[in-house]
Amino acid sequence: KTDSVVKSSLEGDSFTIEQIALSDTAYLFTYTVAILFAGVYASNFPANEVLCYSLVGLALVSFLKAFTFNPMHYVLLQILHAMIQSTGWPTCVRVLSLWIVKDRGLVMGVWTTCQSLGGIAGAMIASYFVNEYSRKFSYFSNVPFLLITAYFAYKHVKDEKSHEYALISSDLEVQPEIKPKDHLRRGSFVNNGSGKTESTKISKIFCTPGIMLVGISYFFLKFVRYALLMWLPFYYEEGLHFDGLTAGFMSTSFEMGGLAGTPLIGYIADHYLNGDNSKTAGLFLAGASVMLLGCNLVADMGIFMNQFCMILVGILIIGPDSIMSATIISDLVKDNGLNSQDLGSVAGLINSMGSSGAIFQSGATAYITQHYSWSTLFNFFIFCSMLSSSILYIAILLRRRVIL
């Protein structure tokens, strides 16, 4: 979040808008490529070690960014940042799949509020330091939090099932017990009760019904989400002409909405739509297109109305993101009879496709705002949200035909 808050400061340090967009694109492109392999790579090592070393690496990168004033050096650090960051999400999803059996939509929704909480805290802390001191101190402030979290991850994250039932299998039968570290180090897992340890080929995963469509839908969702995450402070400051501190605090409204949206979407899916996570996500995305139109209409109506609309957008965008990157992936693996060890690979593939949308948003955002207007950009967001919802419903229909 610090990178999005300090954009105006970077512009003041002789970075051009194009160079800022390039640094975002470098980060997101690297993340997209790296996460495609990170799920498979990280599954060969204990989760606590992967998360600990990744967090320490992120602390080092944040420290180095504080002393970087050359645009190309900054781009290189963004690439390193992305490579380290890519191991986190697939590892967390894999571990949680071992822990959570009941009410997965609700529990995963509550868990993914960590993204919004981190974004809110990061934006507030970074906004304070960049306005009171400089962007250097905004990056320094990340280091102690990352190191403390690394320590707790190493000590407390365990690759253990919550009980003897496997969460992801074709029939939910009792699985023979395997020592966690043994199967992690040799890269093998129990499949659907046969005792075999072979994984599904990546070519079959690509052809599995619904996976590619969910990935395409996630592409457009991530386009909108990351454009708002990375450019919202800049939009409020440069587009609506609020001061830097106010713009930074206003930008947290999007993630405040996400804080409510992540548990809400899981609760609605589990209790009102019979656990149909894909259908729930599609409904939220359709609603997001309406609220993005509202953001265009209230742009000149002051702080309260802008924040109110953006909170609703956060609910309707971040909510679907939370289950598309975790719960829906678990559903796809189970519904298509894939092996439990394929969860990391499928998570990496779908998150990689989603991250591709995040890559394109940076250059597209810079181009549209410079050549057209912020209003045009929000109209494009509306189109992306509707398209994401429509593709997700096509995936639902395809999966139902295969299951039947």
Foldseek 3Di string as FASTA:
>chain_A
DLLQLCPVVLVVLVQDLVLSLLLLLLLLLLLLVLLLCLLLVLLQAWLLVLLLVLLLQLLVLLLVCLVDSDSVVSSVSSNSNSNSVSNPLLSVLLQVQQEDAPLVQQVLLQVVLVVLVCLLVLLLQSLVCCVVPRSSVSSNVSNVVSNVVSVCSNVPRGNHHNDQFRRAFQPRDGEDDDDSNVCSNVSFDDYRRPRDTDFDDPVVVVVQFLLVLLLLLLLLLLLLVLLLSRHQLVCCCVVLNDDSSLSSNLSSLLSLLSSVQSNVLSCCLVPPVVVPSLLSLLVLLLVLLVLLVVLLVCSNVDRPSNSVSSSSNSNSRNNNVSCSLHVVLSVSSNLRRGTSSCSSNSSSNSVSSSSNSSSVSSVVVSVCCVPPRVSVVSNVSSVSSNVSSVSSVVSVVRSVVVSD
